[in-house]
Amino acid sequence: MITRATYAKLLQVAELTHLDPQEWADAILAQMADELIMAAQKLDDQPAGTATAGSEGRPDCEPTDKSTGR
Protein backbone atom coordinates (compact mmCIF):
# COMPACT_ATOMS: atom_id res chain seq x y z
CA MET A 1 0.00 0.00 0.00
CA ILE A 2 1.26 3.48 -0.83
CA THR A 3 0.30 6.79 0.68
CA ARG A 4 -2.03 9.22 -1.02
CA ALA A 5 0.85 11.67 -1.38
CA THR A 6 2.95 9.08 -3.20
CA TYR A 7 0.03 8.12 -5.42
CA ALA A 8 -0.50 11.79 -6.27
CA LYS A 9 3.15 11.99 -7.31
CA LEU A 10 2.71 8.89 -9.48
CA LEU A 11 -0.25 10.53 -11.19
CA GLN A 12 1.83 13.65 -11.77
CA VAL A 13 4.61 11.55 -13.32
CA ALA A 14 2.02 9.87 -15.53
CA GLU A 15 0.85 13.26 -16.77
CA LEU A 16 4.40 14.42 -17.47
CA THR A 17 5.65 11.24 -19.12
CA HIS A 18 2.44 9.76 -20.55
CA LEU A 19 3.32 6.48 -18.83
CA ASP A 20 1.00 4.32 -16.76
CA PRO A 21 1.65 5.16 -13.08
CA GLN A 22 1.83 1.50 -12.06
CA GLU A 23 4.23 0.60 -14.88
CA TRP A 24 6.43 3.59 -14.01
CA ALA A 25 6.42 2.70 -10.29
CA ASP A 26 7.24 -0.93 -11.11
CA ALA A 27 10.17 0.13 -13.32
CA ILE A 28 11.57 2.45 -10.64
CA LEU A 29 11.22 -0.17 -7.89
CA ALA A 30 12.89 -2.80 -10.08
CA GLN A 31 15.80 -0.44 -10.80
CA MET A 32 16.22 0.43 -7.12
CA ALA A 33 16.11 -3.25 -6.17
CA ASP A 34 18.77 -4.07 -8.79
CA GLU A 35 21.03 -1.30 -7.44
CA LEU A 36 20.58 -2.48 -3.85
CA ILE A 37 21.31 -6.10 -4.80
CA MET A 38 24.46 -5.08 -6.69
CA ALA A 39 25.67 -2.93 -3.76
CA ALA A 40 25.03 -5.75 -1.29
CA GLN A 41 26.87 -8.23 -3.51
CA LYS A 42 29.87 -5.89 -3.73
CA LEU A 43 29.99 -5.74 0.07
CA ASP A 44 29.77 -9.54 0.25
CA ASP A 45 32.66 -9.85 -2.23
CA GLN A 46 35.01 -7.73 -0.08
CA PRO A 47 37.41 -9.54 2.24
CA ALA A 48 36.33 -9.50 5.89
CA GLY A 49 37.22 -6.30 7.71
CA THR A 50 37.56 -4.11 4.60
CA ALA A 51 33.99 -2.83 4.30
CA THR A 52 33.83 0.66 5.80
CA ALA A 53 31.18 3.30 6.14
CA GLY A 54 33.46 6.08 4.88
CA SER A 55 36.35 6.41 2.50
CA GLU A 56 38.86 4.81 4.88
CA GLY A 57 40.67 1.95 3.24
CA ARG A 58 39.53 2.93 -0.25
CA PRO A 59 42.45 3.93 -2.47
CA ASP A 60 40.12 5.75 -4.87
CA CYS A 61 38.82 8.16 -2.19
CA GLU A 62 40.50 10.70 0.03
CA PRO A 63 39.29 10.81 3.64
CA THR A 64 37.32 13.96 4.38
CA ASP A 65 38.39 16.55 6.93
CA LYS A 66 35.28 16.89 9.07
CA SER A 67 36.31 20.36 10.28
CA THR A 68 36.36 21.83 6.76
CA GLY A 69 33.98 19.51 4.91
CA ARG A 70 36.68 18.72 2.32
PDB file of N, CA and C in Angstrom:
ATOM      1  N   MET A   1       0.844  -1.179   0.000  1.00  0.00           N
ATOM      2  CA  MET A   1       0.000   0.000   0.000  1.00  0.00           C
ATOM      3  C   MET A   1       0.889   1.242   0.000  1.00  0.00           C
ATOM      4  N   ILE A   2       0.511   2.224  -0.782  1.00  0.00           N
ATOM      5  CA  ILE A   2       1.262   3.476  -0.825  1.00  0.00           C
ATOM      6  C   ILE A   2       0.398   4.600  -0.270  1.00  0.00           C
ATOM      7  N   THR A   3       1.044   5.663   0.130  1.00  0.00           N
ATOM      8  CA  THR A   3       0.304   6.795   0.685  1.00  0.00           C
ATOM      9  C   THR A   3      -0.386   7.574  -0.427  1.00  0.00           C
ATOM     10  N   ARG A   4      -1.343   8.366  -0.041  1.00  0.00           N
ATOM     11  CA  ARG A   4      -2.035   9.219  -1.022  1.00  0.00           C
ATOM     12  C   ARG A   4      -1.070  10.209  -1.657  1.00  0.00           C
ATOM     13  N   ALA A   5      -0.132  10.708  -0.860  1.00  0.00           N
ATOM     14  CA  ALA A   5       0.846  11.671  -1.384  1.00  0.00           C
ATOM     15  C   ALA A   5       1.714  11.024  -2.457  1.00  0.00           C
ATOM     16  N   THR A   6       2.140   9.787  -2.209  1.00  0.00           N
ATOM     17  CA  THR A   6       2.953   9.084  -3.200  1.00  0.00           C
ATOM     18  C   THR A   6       2.131   8.796  -4.445  1.00  0.00           C
ATOM     19  N   TYR A   7       0.890   8.394  -4.269  1.00  0.00           N
ATOM     20  CA  TYR A   7       0.034   8.125  -5.425  1.00  0.00           C
ATOM     21  C   TYR A   7      -0.178   9.397  -6.240  1.00  0.00           C
ATOM     22  N   ALA A   8      -0.342  10.521  -5.560  1.00  0.00           N
ATOM     23  CA  ALA A   8      -0.500  11.792  -6.269  1.00  0.00           C
ATOM     24  C   ALA A   8       0.742  12.099  -7.101  1.00  0.00           C
ATOM     25  N   LYS A   9       1.910  11.792  -6.555  1.00  0.00           N
ATOM     26  CA  LYS A   9       3.151  11.994  -7.315  1.00  0.00           C
ATOM     27  C   LYS A   9       3.203  11.067  -8.523  1.00  0.00           C
ATOM     28  N   LEU A  10       2.748   9.827  -8.349  1.00  0.00           N
ATOM     29  CA  LEU A  10       2.714   8.894  -9.480  1.00  0.00           C
ATOM     30  C   LEU A  10       1.791   9.402 -10.581  1.00  0.00           C
ATOM     31  N   LEU A  11       0.665   9.963 -10.200  1.00  0.00           N
ATOM     32  CA  LEU A  11      -0.248  10.528 -11.191  1.00  0.00           C
ATOM     33  C   LEU A  11       0.389  11.714 -11.908  1.00  0.00           C
ATOM     34  N   GLN A  12       1.136  12.517 -11.168  1.00  0.00           N
ATOM     35  CA  GLN A  12       1.829  13.651 -11.775  1.00  0.00           C
ATOM     36  C   GLN A  12       2.879  13.164 -12.767  1.00  0.00           C
ATOM     37  N   VAL A  13       3.621  12.133 -12.407  1.00  0.00           N
ATOM     38  CA  VAL A  13       4.606  11.551 -13.324  1.00  0.00           C
ATOM     39  C   VAL A  13       3.907  11.035 -14.573  1.00  0.00           C
ATOM     40  N   ALA A  14       2.768  10.393 -14.390  1.00  0.00           N
ATOM     41  CA  ALA A  14       2.017   9.868 -15.530  1.00  0.00           C
ATOM     42  C   ALA A  14       1.619  10.987 -16.487  1.00  0.00           C
ATOM     43  N   GLU A  15       1.213  12.115 -15.931  1.00  0.00           N
ATOM     44  CA  GLU A  15       0.846  13.258 -16.774  1.00  0.00           C
ATOM     45  C   GLU A  15       2.055  13.802 -17.525  1.00  0.00           C
ATOM     46  N   LEU A  16       3.197  13.867 -16.853  1.00  0.00           N
ATOM     47  CA  LEU A  16       4.402  14.423 -17.469  1.00  0.00           C
ATOM     48  C   LEU A  16       5.016  13.494 -18.507  1.00  0.00           C
ATOM     49  N   THR A  17       4.958  12.196 -18.259  1.00  0.00           N
ATOM     50  CA  THR A  17       5.649  11.239 -19.125  1.00  0.00           C
ATOM     51  C   THR A  17       4.720  10.447 -20.034  1.00  0.00           C
ATOM     52  N   HIS A  18       3.436  10.534 -19.799  1.00  0.00           N
ATOM     53  CA  HIS A  18       2.440   9.760 -20.549  1.00  0.00           C
ATOM     54  C   HIS A  18       2.621   8.260 -20.342  1.00  0.00           C
ATOM     55  N   LEU A  19       3.168   7.882 -19.190  1.00  0.00           N
ATOM     56  CA  LEU A  19       3.323   6.478 -18.830  1.00  0.00           C
ATOM     57  C   LEU A  19       2.279   6.097 -17.792  1.00  0.00           C
ATOM     58  N   ASP A  20       1.913   4.828 -17.770  1.00  0.00           N
ATOM     59  CA  ASP A  20       0.999   4.317 -16.764  1.00  0.00           C
ATOM     60  C   ASP A  20       1.680   4.413 -15.397  1.00  0.00           C
ATOM     61  N   PRO A  21       1.015   4.986 -14.389  1.00  0.00           N
ATOM     62  CA  PRO A  21       1.653   5.158 -13.081  1.00  0.00           C
ATOM     63  C   PRO A  21       2.157   3.847 -12.476  1.00  0.00           C
ATOM     64  N   GLN A  22       1.405   2.776 -12.636  1.00  0.00           N
ATOM     65  CA  GLN A  22       1.830   1.500 -12.058  1.00  0.00           C
ATOM     66  C   GLN A  22       3.040   0.936 -12.793  1.00  0.00           C
ATOM     67  N   GLU A  23       3.071   1.075 -14.113  1.00  0.00           N
ATOM     68  CA  GLU A  23       4.226   0.604 -14.879  1.00  0.00           C
ATOM     69  C   GLU A  23       5.468   1.412 -14.510  1.00  0.00           C
ATOM     70  N   TRP A  24       5.299   2.729 -14.367  1.00  0.00           N
ATOM     71  CA  TRP A  24       6.426   3.586 -14.010  1.00  0.00           C
ATOM     72  C   TRP A  24       6.937   3.217 -12.620  1.00  0.00           C
ATOM     73  N   ALA A  25       6.024   3.053 -11.657  1.00  0.00           N
ATOM     74  CA  ALA A  25       6.420   2.698 -10.294  1.00  0.00           C
ATOM     75  C   ALA A  25       7.123   1.344 -10.276  1.00  0.00           C
ATOM     76  N   ASP A  26       6.619   0.386 -11.049  1.00  0.00           N
ATOM     77  CA  ASP A  26       7.245  -0.933 -11.115  1.00  0.00           C
ATOM     78  C   ASP A  26       8.659  -0.831 -11.675  1.00  0.00           C
ATOM     79  N   ALA A  27       8.841  -0.029 -12.713  1.00  0.00           N
ATOM     80  CA  ALA A  27      10.167   0.129 -13.320  1.00  0.00           C
ATOM     81  C   ALA A  27      11.146   0.757 -12.333  1.00  0.00           C
ATOM     82  N   ILE A  28      10.708   1.776 -11.609  1.00  0.00           N
ATOM     83  CA  ILE A  28      11.571   2.445 -10.635  1.00  0.00           C
ATOM     84  C   ILE A  28      11.930   1.496  -9.491  1.00  0.00           C
ATOM     85  N   LEU A  29      10.947   0.771  -8.982  1.00  0.00           N
ATOM     86  CA  LEU A  29      11.221  -0.170  -7.893  1.00  0.00           C
ATOM     87  C   LEU A  29      12.171  -1.276  -8.342  1.00  0.00           C
ATOM     88  N   ALA A  30      11.998  -1.759  -9.562  1.00  0.00           N
ATOM     89  CA  ALA A  30      12.890  -2.797 -10.084  1.00  0.00           C
ATOM     90  C   ALA A  30      14.315  -2.269 -10.193  1.00  0.00           C
ATOM     91  N   GLN A  31      14.464  -1.036 -10.677  1.00  0.00           N
ATOM     92  CA  GLN A  31      15.799  -0.439 -10.802  1.00  0.00           C
ATOM     93  C   GLN A  31      16.443  -0.269  -9.430  1.00  0.00           C
ATOM     94  N   MET A  32      15.687   0.239  -8.469  1.00  0.00           N
ATOM     95  CA  MET A  32      16.225   0.432  -7.125  1.00  0.00           C
ATOM     96  C   MET A  32      16.614  -0.905  -6.499  1.00  0.00           C
ATOM     97  N   ALA A  33      15.796  -1.929  -6.713  1.00  0.00           N
ATOM     98  CA  ALA A  33      16.107  -3.249  -6.175  1.00  0.00           C
ATOM     99  C   ALA A  33      17.388  -3.790  -6.797  1.00  0.00           C
ATOM    100  N   ASP A  34      17.545  -3.620  -8.114  1.00  0.00           N
ATOM    101  CA  ASP A  34      18.767  -4.072  -8.787  1.00  0.00           C
ATOM    102  C   ASP A  34      19.999  -3.379  -8.208  1.00  0.00           C
ATOM    103  N   GLU A  35      19.903  -2.058  -7.986  1.00  0.00           N
ATOM    104  CA  GLU A  35      21.032  -1.303  -7.442  1.00  0.00           C
ATOM    105  C   GLU A  35      21.367  -1.764  -6.022  1.00  0.00           C
ATOM    106  N   LEU A  36      20.354  -2.019  -5.224  1.00  0.00           N
ATOM    107  CA  LEU A  36      20.575  -2.481  -3.854  1.00  0.00           C
ATOM    108  C   LEU A  36      21.220  -3.863  -3.850  1.00  0.00           C
ATOM    109  N   ILE A  37      20.743  -4.747  -4.711  1.00  0.00           N
ATOM    110  CA  ILE A  37      21.313  -6.096  -4.801  1.00  0.00           C
ATOM    111  C   ILE A  37      22.772  -6.024  -5.222  1.00  0.00           C
ATOM    112  N   MET A  38      23.079  -5.202  -6.225  1.00  0.00           N
ATOM    113  CA  MET A  38      24.464  -5.077  -6.686  1.00  0.00           C
ATOM    114  C   MET A  38      25.358  -4.521  -5.580  1.00  0.00           C
ATOM    115  N   ALA A  39      24.880  -3.516  -4.845  1.00  0.00           N
ATOM    116  CA  ALA A  39      25.669  -2.934  -3.757  1.00  0.00           C
ATOM    117  C   ALA A  39      25.909  -3.964  -2.655  1.00  0.00           C
ATOM    118  N   ALA A  40      24.887  -4.735  -2.326  1.00  0.00           N
ATOM    119  CA  ALA A  40      25.032  -5.755  -1.291  1.00  0.00           C
ATOM    120  C   ALA A  40      26.000  -6.844  -1.735  1.00  0.00           C
ATOM    121  N   GLN A  41      25.956  -7.208  -2.999  1.00  0.00           N
ATOM    122  CA  GLN A  41      26.867  -8.233  -3.506  1.00  0.00           C
ATOM    123  C   GLN A  41      28.307  -7.738  -3.494  1.00  0.00           C
ATOM    124  N   LYS A  42      28.515  -6.452  -3.789  1.00  0.00           N
ATOM    125  CA  LYS A  42      29.867  -5.893  -3.731  1.00  0.00           C
ATOM    126  C   LYS A  42      30.411  -5.963  -2.311  1.00  0.00           C
ATOM    127  N   LEU A  43      29.565  -5.656  -1.330  1.00  0.00           N
ATOM    128  CA  LEU A  43      29.994  -5.737   0.067  1.00  0.00           C
ATOM    129  C   LEU A  43      30.321  -7.178   0.443  1.00  0.00           C
ATOM    130  N   ASP A  44      29.519  -8.124  -0.042  1.00  0.00           N
ATOM    131  CA  ASP A  44      29.770  -9.535   0.247  1.00  0.00           C
ATOM    132  C   ASP A  44      31.065 -10.019  -0.384  1.00  0.00           C
ATOM    133  N   ASP A  45      31.450  -9.429  -1.515  1.00  0.00           N
ATOM    134  CA  ASP A  45      32.655  -9.846  -2.226  1.00  0.00           C
ATOM    135  C   ASP A  45      33.936  -9.306  -1.599  1.00  0.00           C
ATOM    136  N   GLN A  46      33.822  -8.305  -0.711  1.00  0.00           N
ATOM    137  CA  GLN A  46      35.007  -7.729  -0.080  1.00  0.00           C
ATOM    138  C   GLN A  46      35.526  -8.665   1.000  1.00  0.00           C
ATOM    139  N   PRO A  47      36.843  -8.737   1.145  1.00  0.00           N
ATOM    140  CA  PRO A  47      37.410  -9.540   2.235  1.00  0.00           C
ATOM    141  C   PRO A  47      36.934  -9.012   3.588  1.00  0.00           C
ATOM    142  N   ALA A  48      36.806  -9.879   4.556  1.00  0.00           N
ATOM    143  CA  ALA A  48      36.330  -9.497   5.887  1.00  0.00           C
ATOM    144  C   ALA A  48      37.186  -8.378   6.459  1.00  0.00           C
ATOM    145  N   GLY A  49      36.518  -7.397   7.057  1.00  0.00           N
ATOM    146  CA  GLY A  49      37.218  -6.301   7.706  1.00  0.00           C
ATOM    147  C   GLY A  49      37.575  -5.146   6.794  1.00  0.00           C
ATOM    148  N   THR A  50      37.208  -5.211   5.497  1.00  0.00           N
ATOM    149  CA  THR A  50      37.557  -4.107   4.604  1.00  0.00           C
ATOM    150  C   THR A  50      36.367  -3.227   4.270  1.00  0.00           C
ATOM    151  N   ALA A  51      35.166  -3.653   4.575  1.00  0.00           N
ATOM    152  CA  ALA A  51      33.991  -2.833   4.297  1.00  0.00           C
ATOM    153  C   ALA A  51      33.916  -1.732   5.345  1.00  0.00           C
ATOM    154  N   THR A  52      33.883  -0.477   4.877  1.00  0.00           N
ATOM    155  CA  THR A  52      33.832   0.657   5.796  1.00  0.00           C
ATOM    156  C   THR A  52      32.687   1.566   5.425  1.00  0.00           C
ATOM    157  N   ALA A  53      32.256   2.362   6.380  1.00  0.00           N
ATOM    158  CA  ALA A  53      31.175   3.301   6.139  1.00  0.00           C
ATOM    159  C   ALA A  53      31.656   4.528   5.389  1.00  0.00           C
ATOM    160  N   GLY A  54      32.917   4.885   5.526  1.00  0.00           N
ATOM    161  CA  GLY A  54      33.457   6.075   4.879  1.00  0.00           C
ATOM    162  C   GLY A  54      34.451   5.712   3.808  1.00  0.00           C
ATOM    163  N   SER A  55      35.370   6.636   3.554  1.00  0.00           N
ATOM    164  CA  SER A  55      36.353   6.406   2.498  1.00  0.00           C
ATOM    165  C   SER A  55      37.620   5.745   3.022  1.00  0.00           C
ATOM    166  N   GLU A  56      37.680   5.443   4.320  1.00  0.00           N
ATOM    167  CA  GLU A  56      38.863   4.813   4.878  1.00  0.00           C
ATOM    168  C   GLU A  56      39.095   3.471   4.196  1.00  0.00           C
ATOM    169  N   GLY A  57      40.343   3.223   3.838  1.00  0.00           N
ATOM    170  CA  GLY A  57      40.672   1.952   3.235  1.00  0.00           C
ATOM    171  C   GLY A  57      40.353   1.859   1.760  1.00  0.00           C
ATOM    172  N   ARG A  58      39.858   2.938   1.173  1.00  0.00           N
ATOM    173  CA  ARG A  58      39.529   2.933  -0.247  1.00  0.00           C
ATOM    174  C   ARG A  58      40.561   3.777  -0.972  1.00  0.00           C
ATOM    175  N   PRO A  59      41.401   3.173  -1.800  1.00  0.00           N
ATOM    176  CA  PRO A  59      42.455   3.933  -2.472  1.00  0.00           C
ATOM    177  C   PRO A  59      41.929   4.959  -3.465  1.00  0.00           C
ATOM    178  N   ASP A  60      40.671   4.817  -3.901  1.00  0.00           N
ATOM    179  CA  ASP A  60      40.117   5.752  -4.874  1.00  0.00           C
ATOM    180  C   ASP A  60      39.488   6.978  -4.223  1.00  0.00           C
ATOM    181  N   CYS A  61      39.462   7.048  -2.890  1.00  0.00           N
ATOM    182  CA  CYS A  61      38.824   8.161  -2.190  1.00  0.00           C
ATOM    183  C   CYS A  61      39.750   8.719  -1.125  1.00  0.00           C
ATOM    184  N   GLU A  62      39.753  10.032  -1.036  1.00  0.00           N
ATOM    185  CA  GLU A  62      40.499  10.697   0.028  1.00  0.00           C
ATOM    186  C   GLU A  62      39.585  10.815   1.240  1.00  0.00           C
ATOM    187  N   PRO A  63      40.104  10.582   2.446  1.00  0.00           N
ATOM    188  CA  PRO A  63      39.286  10.811   3.639  1.00  0.00           C
ATOM    189  C   PRO A  63      38.917  12.293   3.734  1.00  0.00           C
ATOM    190  N   THR A  64      37.746  12.573   4.250  1.00  0.00           N
ATOM    191  CA  THR A  64      37.324  13.964   4.379  1.00  0.00           C
ATOM    192  C   THR A  64      37.791  14.533   5.703  1.00  0.00           C
ATOM    193  N   ASP A  65      38.060  15.832   5.706  1.00  0.00           N
ATOM    194  CA  ASP A  65      38.394  16.551   6.927  1.00  0.00           C
ATOM    195  C   ASP A  65      37.083  17.093   7.468  1.00  0.00           C
ATOM    196  N   LYS A  66      36.592  16.525   8.551  1.00  0.00           N
ATOM    197  CA  LYS A  66      35.285  16.891   9.071  1.00  0.00           C
ATOM    198  C   LYS A  66      35.210  18.345   9.508  1.00  0.00           C
ATOM    199  N   SER A  67      36.341  18.967   9.830  1.00  0.00           N
ATOM    200  CA  SER A  67      36.312  20.356  10.276  1.00  0.00           C
ATOM    201  C   SER A  67      36.104  21.320   9.113  1.00  0.00           C
ATOM    202  N   THR A  68      36.504  20.932   7.914  1.00  0.00           N
ATOM    203  CA  THR A  68      36.363  21.827   6.761  1.00  0.00           C
ATOM    204  C   THR A  68      35.346  21.330   5.755  1.00  0.00           C
ATOM    205  N   GLY A  69      34.925  20.065   5.873  1.00  0.00           N
ATOM    206  CA  GLY A  69      33.984  19.507   4.914  1.00  0.00           C
ATOM    207  C   GLY A  69      34.636  19.113   3.605  1.00  0.00           C
ATOM    208  N   ARG A  70      35.974  19.109   3.551  1.00  0.00           N
ATOM    209  CA  ARG A  70      36.676  18.718   2.322  1.00  0.00           C
ATOM    210  C   ARG A  70      37.299  17.364   2.459  1.00  0.00           C
TER     211      ARG A  70
END
